[in-house]
Structure formats: C-alpha cells, structure tokens
Amino acid sequence: MKHLQNRVSLIGHVGQDPEVKTLENGTKLAKISLATNSYYIDRNGQRVEQTEWHRLTAWGKTADLIENHVHKGSRLAVEGQLQYRKYEDEDGRTNRFAEIRLDEVMLL
C-alpha cells in the first residue's frame, strides 16, 4: 500500500493549450488545467453536470510529452501527487492553492 500514499488519478479534458517553460538549468516545466465531470440527478429527476478544474504541473520528459502532444481539448488520463503551494499577492495576502504534480500521462 505504500504506493497509494498521496496518489491522484484523473481522466478529463485539457482546458487550454499548455504553458511550457524551459528553466535556466535546461529543465522543462509544463502547466495545464484539466476539467473532470461528474453527474447527479436532482430532486426533479433532471441530470445535473458538475465540472471541476484541476491545476497540473509536469517536469522533464513528461513536460516534453505535454509540449509535443497535448493541446486544448485533449483527453488525458493522469496520475500524480497532490501538492499545496502558497504565494503572497501584491496586496500582501497569502493565497494557497492545490496542484497535481504529474508522474504519468496517457493520451486518450
């Protein structure tokens, strides 16, 4: 069960073209957003769709794969680790957000 610690698996559609940067040391970083959908039936028997957006980051060879093969609308299966980051905005407020650092990407 050690491999189940802090694992996230998602299947969804990419919301915008990837943002890819090459850092000073030559390492690539790719950032994408992924939409996942779920459904439920409301009190009136109507099907209601809910969309959740997820921030994803990838490094190195995984970033290369994303840069070369992923674009807005691509359907992906991904697996990675949930991470929380924080930053201070220009007004001095601390903001936190969650992102998934990708280990694996499968084009669907």
N, C-alpha and C. Protein backbone atom coordinates (compact mmCIF):
# COMPACT_ATOMS: atom_id res chain seq x y z
N MET A 1 0.80 -1.20 0.00
CA MET A 1 0.00 0.00 0.00
C MET A 1 0.84 1.26 0.00
N LYS A 2 2.14 1.14 0.10
CA LYS A 2 2.99 2.32 0.13
C LYS A 2 2.82 3.18 -1.13
N HIS A 3 2.48 2.56 -2.25
CA HIS A 3 2.33 3.30 -3.50
C HIS A 3 0.99 4.03 -3.58
N LEU A 4 0.13 3.86 -2.59
CA LEU A 4 -1.15 4.54 -2.58
C LEU A 4 -1.10 5.87 -1.84
N GLN A 5 -0.02 6.15 -1.16
CA GLN A 5 0.07 7.39 -0.41
C GLN A 5 0.14 8.59 -1.35
N ASN A 6 -0.77 9.54 -1.11
CA ASN A 6 -0.81 10.79 -1.86
C ASN A 6 -0.79 10.55 -3.37
N ARG A 7 -1.73 9.76 -3.88
CA ARG A 7 -1.85 9.49 -5.31
C ARG A 7 -3.17 10.05 -5.81
N VAL A 8 -3.14 10.71 -6.94
CA VAL A 8 -4.33 11.26 -7.57
C VAL A 8 -4.38 10.73 -8.99
N SER A 9 -5.53 10.18 -9.39
CA SER A 9 -5.74 9.72 -10.76
C SER A 9 -6.96 10.44 -11.32
N LEU A 10 -6.83 11.01 -12.51
CA LEU A 10 -7.92 11.75 -13.13
C LEU A 10 -7.99 11.43 -14.62
N ILE A 11 -9.20 11.52 -15.16
CA ILE A 11 -9.41 11.49 -16.60
C ILE A 11 -10.26 12.71 -16.93
N GLY A 12 -9.80 13.49 -17.90
CA GLY A 12 -10.54 14.69 -18.25
C GLY A 12 -10.03 15.32 -19.53
N HIS A 13 -10.50 16.55 -19.78
CA HIS A 13 -10.13 17.30 -20.98
C HIS A 13 -9.31 18.53 -20.59
N VAL A 14 -8.31 18.82 -21.40
CA VAL A 14 -7.44 19.97 -21.18
C VAL A 14 -8.21 21.25 -21.53
N GLY A 15 -8.13 22.25 -20.64
CA GLY A 15 -8.91 23.47 -20.81
C GLY A 15 -8.27 24.53 -21.69
N GLN A 16 -6.96 24.50 -21.81
CA GLN A 16 -6.27 25.48 -22.65
C GLN A 16 -4.94 24.88 -23.08
N ASP A 17 -4.33 25.46 -24.10
CA ASP A 17 -3.03 24.96 -24.54
C ASP A 17 -2.04 25.03 -23.39
N PRO A 18 -1.13 24.05 -23.31
CA PRO A 18 -0.16 24.02 -22.21
C PRO A 18 0.74 25.26 -22.19
N GLU A 19 1.13 25.64 -20.99
CA GLU A 19 2.14 26.68 -20.81
C GLU A 19 3.44 25.95 -20.49
N VAL A 20 4.42 26.07 -21.37
CA VAL A 20 5.69 25.34 -21.20
C VAL A 20 6.83 26.34 -21.11
N LYS A 21 7.67 26.13 -20.09
CA LYS A 21 8.84 26.98 -19.89
C LYS A 21 10.07 26.11 -19.77
N THR A 22 11.19 26.62 -20.26
CA THR A 22 12.48 25.97 -20.03
C THR A 22 13.22 26.82 -19.02
N LEU A 23 13.58 26.23 -17.90
CA LEU A 23 14.25 26.95 -16.83
C LEU A 23 15.73 27.15 -17.17
N GLU A 24 16.40 27.97 -16.40
CA GLU A 24 17.82 28.29 -16.66
C GLU A 24 18.70 27.06 -16.70
N ASN A 25 18.35 26.04 -15.90
CA ASN A 25 19.18 24.82 -15.88
C ASN A 25 18.81 23.85 -17.00
N GLY A 26 17.88 24.24 -17.89
CA GLY A 26 17.50 23.40 -19.03
C GLY A 26 16.31 22.50 -18.77
N THR A 27 15.83 22.44 -17.55
CA THR A 27 14.67 21.60 -17.22
C THR A 27 13.39 22.24 -17.72
N LYS A 28 12.51 21.42 -18.28
CA LYS A 28 11.23 21.93 -18.77
C LYS A 28 10.16 21.79 -17.70
N LEU A 29 9.26 22.77 -17.68
CA LEU A 29 8.10 22.78 -16.80
C LEU A 29 6.87 23.05 -17.66
N ALA A 30 5.86 22.18 -17.54
CA ALA A 30 4.60 22.37 -18.26
C ALA A 30 3.48 22.52 -17.25
N LYS A 31 2.58 23.46 -17.53
CA LYS A 31 1.40 23.67 -16.69
C LYS A 31 0.16 23.57 -17.57
N ILE A 32 -0.82 22.81 -17.09
CA ILE A 32 -2.09 22.69 -17.81
C ILE A 32 -3.23 22.65 -16.79
N SER A 33 -4.43 22.92 -17.30
CA SER A 33 -5.63 22.76 -16.48
C SER A 33 -6.43 21.60 -17.07
N LEU A 34 -7.05 20.82 -16.20
CA LEU A 34 -7.80 19.65 -16.63
C LEU A 34 -9.20 19.72 -16.03
N ALA A 35 -10.20 19.53 -16.87
CA ALA A 35 -11.59 19.52 -16.41
C ALA A 35 -12.07 18.09 -16.26
N THR A 36 -12.67 17.79 -15.11
CA THR A 36 -13.31 16.50 -14.90
C THR A 36 -14.79 16.75 -14.64
N ASN A 37 -15.62 15.83 -15.09
CA ASN A 37 -17.07 15.99 -14.97
C ASN A 37 -17.67 14.87 -14.13
N SER A 38 -18.66 15.22 -13.35
CA SER A 38 -19.46 14.23 -12.63
C SER A 38 -20.92 14.63 -12.79
N TYR A 39 -21.80 13.69 -12.53
CA TYR A 39 -23.22 13.90 -12.75
C TYR A 39 -24.01 13.43 -11.54
N TYR A 40 -25.15 14.04 -11.32
CA TYR A 40 -26.09 13.55 -10.33
C TYR A 40 -27.50 13.89 -10.80
N ILE A 41 -28.49 13.25 -10.19
CA ILE A 41 -29.89 13.50 -10.52
C ILE A 41 -30.48 14.36 -9.40
N ASP A 42 -31.05 15.51 -9.76
CA ASP A 42 -31.62 16.39 -8.74
C ASP A 42 -33.02 15.94 -8.32
N ARG A 43 -33.64 16.69 -7.44
CA ARG A 43 -34.96 16.34 -6.90
C ARG A 43 -36.04 16.20 -7.98
N ASN A 44 -35.85 16.93 -9.07
CA ASN A 44 -36.84 16.90 -10.16
C ASN A 44 -36.55 15.81 -11.19
N GLY A 45 -35.55 14.98 -10.90
CA GLY A 45 -35.21 13.90 -11.82
C GLY A 45 -34.35 14.35 -13.00
N GLN A 46 -33.85 15.58 -12.93
CA GLN A 46 -33.01 16.12 -14.01
C GLN A 46 -31.54 15.78 -13.75
N ARG A 47 -30.86 15.42 -14.81
CA ARG A 47 -29.42 15.14 -14.71
C ARG A 47 -28.66 16.46 -14.67
N VAL A 48 -27.81 16.62 -13.66
CA VAL A 48 -27.03 17.84 -13.47
C VAL A 48 -25.55 17.48 -13.58
N GLU A 49 -24.85 18.24 -14.41
CA GLU A 49 -23.42 18.01 -14.60
C GLU A 49 -22.62 19.02 -13.77
N GLN A 50 -21.58 18.53 -13.11
CA GLN A 50 -20.66 19.39 -12.37
C GLN A 50 -19.28 19.24 -12.97
N THR A 51 -18.63 20.36 -13.21
CA THR A 51 -17.26 20.35 -13.74
C THR A 51 -16.31 20.88 -12.68
N GLU A 52 -15.24 20.16 -12.45
CA GLU A 52 -14.18 20.58 -11.54
C GLU A 52 -12.92 20.83 -12.36
N TRP A 53 -12.20 21.91 -12.04
CA TRP A 53 -10.96 22.24 -12.73
C TRP A 53 -9.78 21.94 -11.82
N HIS A 54 -8.73 21.33 -12.38
CA HIS A 54 -7.55 20.93 -11.64
C HIS A 54 -6.31 21.54 -12.28
N ARG A 55 -5.40 22.05 -11.45
CA ARG A 55 -4.11 22.56 -11.93
C ARG A 55 -3.13 21.40 -11.96
N LEU A 56 -2.42 21.24 -13.08
CA LEU A 56 -1.45 20.16 -13.22
C LEU A 56 -0.10 20.75 -13.61
N THR A 57 0.97 20.17 -13.05
CA THR A 57 2.32 20.55 -13.46
C THR A 57 3.10 19.29 -13.81
N ALA A 58 3.98 19.43 -14.77
CA ALA A 58 4.83 18.30 -15.18
C ALA A 58 6.24 18.82 -15.43
N TRP A 59 7.20 17.97 -15.17
CA TRP A 59 8.61 18.32 -15.30
C TRP A 59 9.31 17.36 -16.26
N GLY A 60 10.42 17.81 -16.84
CA GLY A 60 11.30 16.95 -17.62
C GLY A 60 10.64 16.30 -18.82
N LYS A 61 10.80 14.97 -18.94
CA LYS A 61 10.28 14.23 -20.09
C LYS A 61 8.75 14.28 -20.17
N THR A 62 8.10 14.32 -19.00
CA THR A 62 6.64 14.42 -19.00
C THR A 62 6.23 15.77 -19.57
N ALA A 63 6.97 16.82 -19.24
CA ALA A 63 6.70 18.15 -19.81
C ALA A 63 6.93 18.14 -21.32
N ASP A 64 7.97 17.43 -21.79
CA ASP A 64 8.22 17.31 -23.23
C ASP A 64 7.04 16.66 -23.93
N LEU A 65 6.51 15.58 -23.37
CA LEU A 65 5.37 14.89 -23.95
C LEU A 65 4.18 15.83 -24.05
N ILE A 66 3.93 16.58 -22.99
CA ILE A 66 2.81 17.52 -22.99
C ILE A 66 3.02 18.60 -24.05
N GLU A 67 4.23 19.14 -24.12
CA GLU A 67 4.52 20.19 -25.10
C GLU A 67 4.27 19.72 -26.54
N ASN A 68 4.64 18.47 -26.83
CA ASN A 68 4.58 17.97 -28.20
C ASN A 68 3.24 17.35 -28.60
N HIS A 69 2.43 16.92 -27.63
CA HIS A 69 1.25 16.14 -27.98
C HIS A 69 -0.07 16.61 -27.37
N VAL A 70 -0.02 17.55 -26.45
CA VAL A 70 -1.24 17.95 -25.74
C VAL A 70 -1.63 19.36 -26.17
N HIS A 71 -2.91 19.56 -26.37
CA HIS A 71 -3.44 20.88 -26.71
C HIS A 71 -4.84 21.03 -26.10
N LYS A 72 -5.38 22.21 -26.21
CA LYS A 72 -6.72 22.46 -25.68
C LYS A 72 -7.69 21.42 -26.24
N GLY A 73 -8.47 20.80 -25.34
CA GLY A 73 -9.44 19.79 -25.75
C GLY A 73 -8.94 18.36 -25.69
N SER A 74 -7.62 18.16 -25.57
CA SER A 74 -7.08 16.80 -25.49
C SER A 74 -7.69 16.07 -24.30
N ARG A 75 -7.96 14.78 -24.49
CA ARG A 75 -8.47 13.95 -23.39
C ARG A 75 -7.29 13.18 -22.82
N LEU A 76 -7.09 13.29 -21.50
CA LEU A 76 -5.94 12.68 -20.84
C LEU A 76 -6.36 11.85 -19.65
N ALA A 77 -5.55 10.83 -19.36
CA ALA A 77 -5.58 10.14 -18.08
C ALA A 77 -4.25 10.50 -17.42
N VAL A 78 -4.31 10.95 -16.18
CA VAL A 78 -3.10 11.39 -15.50
C VAL A 78 -3.03 10.78 -14.09
N GLU A 79 -1.81 10.69 -13.59
CA GLU A 79 -1.60 10.25 -12.22
C GLU A 79 -0.45 11.08 -11.65
N GLY A 80 -0.60 11.45 -10.38
CA GLY A 80 0.44 12.25 -9.75
C GLY A 80 0.20 12.42 -8.27
N GLN A 81 0.88 13.41 -7.72
CA GLN A 81 0.81 13.69 -6.29
C GLN A 81 0.15 15.04 -6.06
N LEU A 82 -0.71 15.10 -5.05
CA LEU A 82 -1.36 16.34 -4.68
C LEU A 82 -0.38 17.18 -3.85
N GLN A 83 -0.21 18.44 -4.26
CA GLN A 83 0.68 19.35 -3.55
C GLN A 83 -0.05 20.66 -3.30
N TYR A 84 0.28 21.30 -2.20
CA TYR A 84 -0.28 22.61 -1.88
C TYR A 84 0.84 23.63 -1.92
N ARG A 85 0.54 24.76 -2.56
CA ARG A 85 1.53 25.83 -2.63
C ARG A 85 0.88 27.12 -2.16
N LYS A 86 1.72 28.07 -1.79
CA LYS A 86 1.19 29.36 -1.39
C LYS A 86 2.07 30.45 -1.97
N TYR A 87 1.47 31.61 -2.13
CA TYR A 87 2.19 32.78 -2.61
C TYR A 87 1.56 34.02 -1.99
N GLU A 88 2.32 35.08 -1.99
CA GLU A 88 1.82 36.35 -1.47
C GLU A 88 1.51 37.26 -2.65
N ASP A 89 0.28 37.79 -2.68
CA ASP A 89 -0.10 38.66 -3.80
C ASP A 89 0.42 40.08 -3.55
N GLU A 90 0.14 40.96 -4.49
CA GLU A 90 0.68 42.33 -4.42
C GLU A 90 0.11 43.13 -3.25
N ASP A 91 -1.01 42.68 -2.68
CA ASP A 91 -1.60 43.35 -1.52
C ASP A 91 -1.11 42.75 -0.20
N GLY A 92 -0.17 41.80 -0.29
CA GLY A 92 0.38 41.19 0.91
C GLY A 92 -0.42 40.04 1.47
N ARG A 93 -1.49 39.63 0.78
CA ARG A 93 -2.30 38.50 1.24
C ARG A 93 -1.67 37.19 0.79
N THR A 94 -1.71 36.21 1.68
CA THR A 94 -1.20 34.88 1.37
C THR A 94 -2.32 34.05 0.75
N ASN A 95 -2.05 33.48 -0.41
CA ASN A 95 -3.02 32.65 -1.12
C ASN A 95 -2.47 31.24 -1.23
N ARG A 96 -3.35 30.27 -1.03
CA ARG A 96 -2.96 28.86 -1.16
C ARG A 96 -3.75 28.23 -2.30
N PHE A 97 -3.12 27.27 -2.96
CA PHE A 97 -3.84 26.51 -3.98
C PHE A 97 -3.26 25.11 -4.06
N ALA A 98 -4.07 24.23 -4.60
CA ALA A 98 -3.66 22.83 -4.78
C ALA A 98 -3.29 22.61 -6.24
N GLU A 99 -2.32 21.77 -6.47
CA GLU A 99 -1.98 21.36 -7.82
C GLU A 99 -1.53 19.91 -7.77
N ILE A 100 -1.56 19.28 -8.92
CA ILE A 100 -1.15 17.88 -9.02
C ILE A 100 0.13 17.84 -9.84
N ARG A 101 1.18 17.31 -9.21
CA ARG A 101 2.46 17.14 -9.90
C ARG A 101 2.41 15.78 -10.59
N LEU A 102 2.44 15.81 -11.91
CA LEU A 102 2.23 14.60 -12.70
C LEU A 102 3.44 13.68 -12.71
N ASP A 103 3.14 12.39 -12.57
CA ASP A 103 4.14 11.34 -12.75
C ASP A 103 3.92 10.61 -14.06
N GLU A 104 2.64 10.46 -14.43
CA GLU A 104 2.29 9.74 -15.65
C GLU A 104 1.19 10.45 -16.40
N VAL A 105 1.28 10.41 -17.73
CA VAL A 105 0.27 11.00 -18.61
C VAL A 105 -0.02 10.00 -19.71
N MET A 106 -1.30 9.76 -19.97
CA MET A 106 -1.71 8.89 -21.07
C MET A 106 -2.66 9.67 -21.97
N LEU A 107 -2.32 9.75 -23.24
CA LEU A 107 -3.20 10.41 -24.21
C LEU A 107 -4.34 9.47 -24.56
N LEU A 108 -5.56 9.95 -24.49
CA LEU A 108 -6.72 9.11 -24.80
C LEU A 108 -7.36 9.53 -26.11
